[in-house]
Structure formats: C-alpha cells, structure tokens
Amino acid sequence: MIGNFVKNERVRLKLTQEELAEKAKMKATYLSKLERDQLPTPPSEEVLISLAYALQADPHEIIVKAGRVPSDFRDLILEDENVFKYLKRKVAEHNRKEDSNAI
C-alpha cells in the first residue's frame, strides 16, 4: 500500500531510490524494502514525515497510507469527544454502505 504510493511519487519526481533516500535521510536499502512493502512493521511517523517532505507530499496522507494514525489526529480524537463521536458515526455509515453494496 505505502510502497506503491512512494514509488509512484518518486518516479513522478524523476528521482532514483538513492536520491530520494538521501533527501529523506534514510538508507537506499531501507527505501527499497519500503517500496516493495517488505518492512516487518510500518515506518515510524518521523520517517514518514521526512519521506513526505522529500516527496513534496502531504505528511498526513503518507502516514495514513502506511496504516498509522497521525499523532495530531489521534490527539484530537482523544481530546474532543465530539470528534470521536463524529468519526464513530462516519465509520458506522461507511460500514452500512459497504454491507448494502455486498448484497
């Protein structure tokens, strides 16, 4: 999931893995594994933010595509009961919609 996105963005910017790795301050071998979705766990939020800036992409989008919840999103959800209720309602609506499409 995150791997294809990163690779497509890198190719769009005409960067080699080595060039992107240098810009994102990571090893090219790590980036290669990330692009092939061969990392044992998703990258840390800090790594994903560095990668987002190197790709000129939205850090929140990359964090979510990596299967994580951005810490500022998490903080807001935990601090604001209305945000939590809103998201819970949206998830329920989404699930009902998916269930009705499966029939």
Protein backbone atom coordinates (compact mmCIF):
# COMPACT_ATOMS: atom_id res chain seq x y z
CA MET A 1 0.00 0.00 0.00
CA ILE A 2 2.51 2.64 1.09
CA GLY A 3 5.19 1.13 -1.11
CA ASN A 4 3.37 1.70 -4.40
CA PHE A 5 2.48 5.24 -3.40
CA VAL A 6 6.09 6.10 -2.51
CA LYS A 7 7.46 4.51 -5.68
CA ASN A 8 4.92 6.26 -7.91
CA GLU A 9 5.66 9.63 -6.31
CA ARG A 10 9.42 9.04 -6.60
CA VAL A 11 9.09 8.15 -10.28
CA ARG A 12 6.81 11.16 -10.86
CA LEU A 13 9.56 13.38 -9.43
CA LYS A 14 12.16 11.58 -11.58
CA LEU A 15 14.23 10.59 -8.53
CA THR A 16 16.28 7.45 -8.09
CA GLN A 17 15.94 5.47 -4.89
CA GLU A 18 19.34 6.77 -3.85
CA GLU A 19 18.36 10.39 -4.45
CA LEU A 20 15.10 10.07 -2.53
CA ALA A 21 16.80 8.19 0.29
CA GLU A 22 19.35 10.97 0.63
CA LYS A 23 16.65 13.67 0.66
CA ALA A 24 14.64 11.72 3.25
CA LYS A 25 17.74 10.93 5.33
CA MET A 26 17.42 7.15 5.12
CA LYS A 27 19.36 4.30 3.56
CA ALA A 28 18.51 3.33 -0.01
CA THR A 29 18.18 -0.33 1.07
CA TYR A 30 15.50 0.71 3.60
CA LEU A 31 13.66 2.71 0.94
CA SER A 32 13.84 -0.25 -1.43
CA LYS A 33 12.23 -2.51 1.16
CA LEU A 34 9.60 0.14 1.90
CA GLU A 35 8.72 0.46 -1.80
CA ARG A 36 8.32 -3.32 -2.04
CA ASP A 37 6.24 -3.43 1.18
CA GLN A 38 8.82 -5.74 2.72
CA LEU A 39 9.32 -3.97 6.05
CA PRO A 40 8.27 -6.03 9.09
CA THR A 41 6.45 -3.02 10.58
CA PRO A 42 5.29 0.31 9.16
CA PRO A 43 7.90 3.09 9.30
CA SER A 44 7.76 5.46 12.25
CA GLU A 45 5.82 8.69 11.95
CA GLU A 46 9.11 10.63 11.91
CA VAL A 47 10.42 8.59 8.97
CA LEU A 48 7.13 9.01 7.11
CA ILE A 49 7.14 12.79 7.65
CA SER A 50 10.71 13.04 6.36
CA LEU A 51 9.72 10.96 3.34
CA ALA A 52 6.65 13.13 2.73
CA TYR A 53 8.71 16.31 2.65
CA ALA A 54 11.23 14.71 0.31
CA LEU A 55 8.35 13.68 -1.99
CA GLN A 56 6.63 17.08 -1.69
CA ALA A 57 3.57 15.19 -0.40
CA ASP A 58 1.13 15.63 2.46
CA PRO A 59 2.62 14.02 5.59
CA HIS A 60 -0.84 13.07 6.90
CA GLU A 61 -1.64 11.21 3.68
CA ILE A 62 1.58 9.21 3.79
CA ILE A 63 1.13 8.36 7.47
CA VAL A 64 -2.40 7.09 6.82
CA LYS A 65 -1.31 5.14 3.72
CA ALA A 66 1.28 3.44 5.93
CA GLY A 67 -1.50 2.20 8.20
CA ARG A 68 -0.92 4.64 11.03
CA VAL A 69 -2.99 7.44 12.57
CA PRO A 70 -1.11 10.76 12.60
CA SER A 71 -0.36 11.75 16.19
CA ASP A 72 -2.13 15.11 15.86
CA PHE A 73 -5.25 13.31 14.57
CA ARG A 74 -5.03 10.82 17.45
CA ASP A 75 -4.63 13.63 19.99
CA LEU A 76 -7.67 15.47 18.64
CA ILE A 77 -9.79 12.30 18.65
CA LEU A 78 -8.81 11.58 22.24
CA GLU A 79 -9.26 15.17 23.46
CA ASP A 80 -12.52 16.09 21.74
CA GLU A 81 -15.49 13.83 22.40
CA ASN A 82 -17.41 15.41 19.50
CA VAL A 83 -14.67 14.46 17.05
CA PHE A 84 -14.69 10.91 18.37
CA LYS A 85 -18.49 10.67 18.06
CA TYR A 86 -18.40 12.14 14.55
CA LEU A 87 -15.80 9.65 13.39
CA LYS A 88 -17.61 6.75 15.03
CA ARG A 89 -20.82 7.80 13.23
CA LYS A 90 -19.00 8.11 9.89
CA VAL A 91 -17.47 4.65 10.31
CA ALA A 92 -20.90 3.17 11.06
CA GLU A 93 -22.35 4.88 7.96
CA HIS A 94 -19.46 3.60 5.86
CA ASN A 95 -19.90 0.05 7.16
CA ARG A 96 -23.64 0.11 6.46
CA LYS A 97 -22.95 1.34 2.93
CA GLU A 98 -20.41 -1.45 2.36
CA ASP A 99 -22.84 -4.04 3.75
CA SER A 100 -25.61 -2.87 1.42
CA ASN A 101 -23.24 -2.98 -1.57
CA ALA A 102 -22.28 -6.57 -0.74
CA ILE A 103 -25.87 -7.76 -1.07
